[in-house]
Protein backbone atom coordinates (compact mmCIF):
# COMPACT_ATOMS: atom_id res chain seq x y z
CA UNK A 1 -26.36 -5.54 -7.93
CA UNK A 2 -27.79 -8.74 -6.53
CA UNK A 3 -28.39 -9.25 -2.81
CA UNK A 4 -28.07 -12.65 -1.09
CA UNK A 5 -27.04 -13.89 2.36
CA UNK A 6 -23.93 -15.87 3.34
CA UNK A 7 -23.72 -17.18 6.89
CA UNK A 8 -26.89 -15.17 7.63
CA UNK A 9 -25.08 -11.94 6.69
CA UNK A 10 -26.56 -9.85 3.86
CA UNK A 11 -24.30 -9.78 0.80
CA UNK A 12 -24.57 -7.61 -2.29
CA UNK A 13 -22.62 -8.45 -5.46
CA UNK A 14 -21.00 -5.39 -7.05
CA UNK A 15 -19.50 -5.10 -10.51
CA UNK A 16 -15.82 -4.45 -9.73
CA UNK A 17 -14.07 -4.45 -13.12
CA UNK A 18 -13.39 -6.47 -16.25
CA UNK A 19 -11.21 -9.58 -16.03
CA UNK A 20 -8.65 -7.82 -18.27
CA UNK A 21 -8.29 -4.99 -15.72
CA UNK A 22 -6.49 -7.27 -13.25
CA UNK A 23 -3.04 -8.56 -14.24
CA UNK A 24 -2.47 -12.30 -14.31
CA UNK A 25 -0.90 -13.45 -11.03
CA UNK A 26 -1.30 -9.96 -9.64
CA UNK A 27 -3.77 -7.53 -8.19
CA UNK A 28 -5.36 -4.12 -8.50
CA UNK A 29 -7.66 -1.96 -6.41
CA UNK A 30 -11.31 -1.03 -6.96
CA UNK A 31 -13.54 1.34 -5.03
CA UNK A 32 -16.63 -0.67 -4.08
CA UNK A 33 -19.38 0.58 -1.83
CA UNK A 34 -17.03 3.29 -0.50
CA UNK A 35 -14.24 0.80 0.31
CA UNK A 36 -10.86 0.24 -1.35
CA UNK A 37 -10.85 -3.46 -2.17
CA UNK A 38 -7.86 -5.30 -3.60
CA UNK A 39 -8.76 -7.90 -6.23
CA UNK A 40 -6.32 -10.66 -7.13
CA UNK A 41 -6.24 -12.86 -10.24
CA UNK A 42 -4.24 -15.86 -9.03
CA UNK A 43 -3.91 -17.39 -12.49
CA UNK A 44 -1.46 -20.11 -11.40
CA UNK A 45 -4.17 -21.47 -9.06
CA UNK A 46 -7.12 -20.62 -11.31
CA UNK A 47 -8.67 -18.59 -8.48
CA UNK A 48 -9.79 -15.05 -7.73
CA UNK A 49 -9.61 -13.34 -4.32
CA UNK A 50 -10.58 -9.98 -2.82
CA UNK A 51 -9.44 -8.33 0.42
CA UNK A 52 -9.24 -4.94 2.04
CA UNK A 53 -6.62 -2.86 0.26
CA UNK A 54 -5.38 -1.41 3.55
CA UNK A 55 -2.50 -3.18 5.30
CA UNK A 56 -3.23 -2.99 9.05
CA UNK A 57 0.47 -2.87 9.95
CA UNK A 58 0.98 0.77 8.92
CA UNK A 59 -2.51 1.52 7.62
CA UNK A 60 -1.29 1.98 4.05
CA UNK A 61 -3.53 1.36 1.03
CA UNK A 62 -1.13 -1.00 -0.71
CA UNK A 63 -2.20 -4.65 -0.73
CA UNK A 64 -3.51 -4.48 -4.31
CA UNK A 65 0.10 -3.88 -5.37
CA UNK A 66 1.46 -6.73 -3.24
CA UNK A 67 3.04 -9.93 -4.50
CA UNK A 68 0.92 -13.06 -4.40
CA UNK A 69 2.13 -16.59 -3.83
CA UNK A 70 1.56 -19.64 -1.66
CA UNK A 71 2.80 -20.80 1.71
CA UNK A 72 2.11 -24.47 2.47
CA UNK A 73 -0.71 -24.42 -0.13
CA UNK A 74 -2.25 -21.29 1.48
CA UNK A 75 -2.68 -18.49 -1.10
CA UNK A 76 -1.21 -15.26 0.26
CA UNK A 77 -0.39 -11.64 -0.51
CA UNK A 78 2.62 -9.76 0.83
CA UNK A 79 2.40 -6.04 1.58
CA UNK A 80 4.87 -4.32 -0.77
CA UNK A 81 6.16 -2.04 2.01
CA UNK A 82 6.82 -4.11 5.13
CA UNK A 83 6.33 -7.67 3.84
CA UNK A 84 3.54 -8.71 6.20
CA UNK A 85 1.82 -11.63 4.49
CA UNK A 86 -1.90 -12.34 4.66
CA UNK A 87 -3.98 -15.37 3.72
CA UNK A 88 -6.15 -14.59 0.72
CA UNK A 89 -8.72 -17.06 2.07
CA UNK A 90 -9.03 -16.04 5.72
CA UNK A 91 -7.29 -12.66 5.97
CA UNK A 92 -5.05 -13.83 8.84
CA UNK A 93 -1.52 -12.46 8.98
CA UNK A 94 0.81 -15.40 8.34
CA UNK A 95 4.11 -13.97 9.58
CA UNK A 96 3.24 -11.69 12.52
CA UNK A 97 0.89 -12.97 15.23
CA UNK A 98 0.41 -9.43 16.55
CA UNK A 99 -0.83 -8.04 13.24
CA UNK A 100 -4.58 -7.65 12.78
CA UNK A 101 -6.27 -9.70 10.03
CA UNK A 102 -7.67 -8.15 6.88
CA UNK A 103 -11.23 -8.52 5.63
CA UNK A 104 -11.76 -10.94 2.72
CA UNK A 105 -14.64 -10.86 0.24
CA UNK A 106 -16.14 -13.47 -2.08
CA UNK A 107 -15.44 -13.08 -5.80
CA UNK A 108 -17.19 -14.46 -8.82
CA UNK A 109 -16.43 -14.03 -12.51
CA UNK A 110 -19.04 -14.17 -15.24
CA UNK A 111 -18.87 -13.20 -18.92
CA UNK A 112 -15.55 -11.39 -18.43
CA UNK A 113 -16.79 -9.31 -15.50
CA UNK A 114 -15.45 -9.56 -11.93
CA UNK A 115 -18.02 -9.25 -9.12
CA UNK A 116 -17.18 -8.76 -5.43
CA UNK A 117 -19.62 -9.54 -2.64
CA UNK A 118 -19.74 -6.91 0.12
């Protein structure tokens, strides 16, 4: 683990998984620092994202199984149960103003290993 600061907040990089553990254009969940974190390999965009795995709408641990896509160039994930969609960049709910946002985390990939900053 490596500790740094982003926006004056302490950040520790955790080994999450291997690149091959996350399906292309899909997601999976990892337990990092006691939290369920959804990790997404958005191959079509050449980007990686990480968010809370819990959908705030019904408090279900499901976002890692959600479908990813884009809305007006904004990368998003849709909860597989109730279709609330969240920005993978900001965590804001894109289709329900009353829904709480989800936490997002920085991701980096090096030598086939995915790291998430918490």
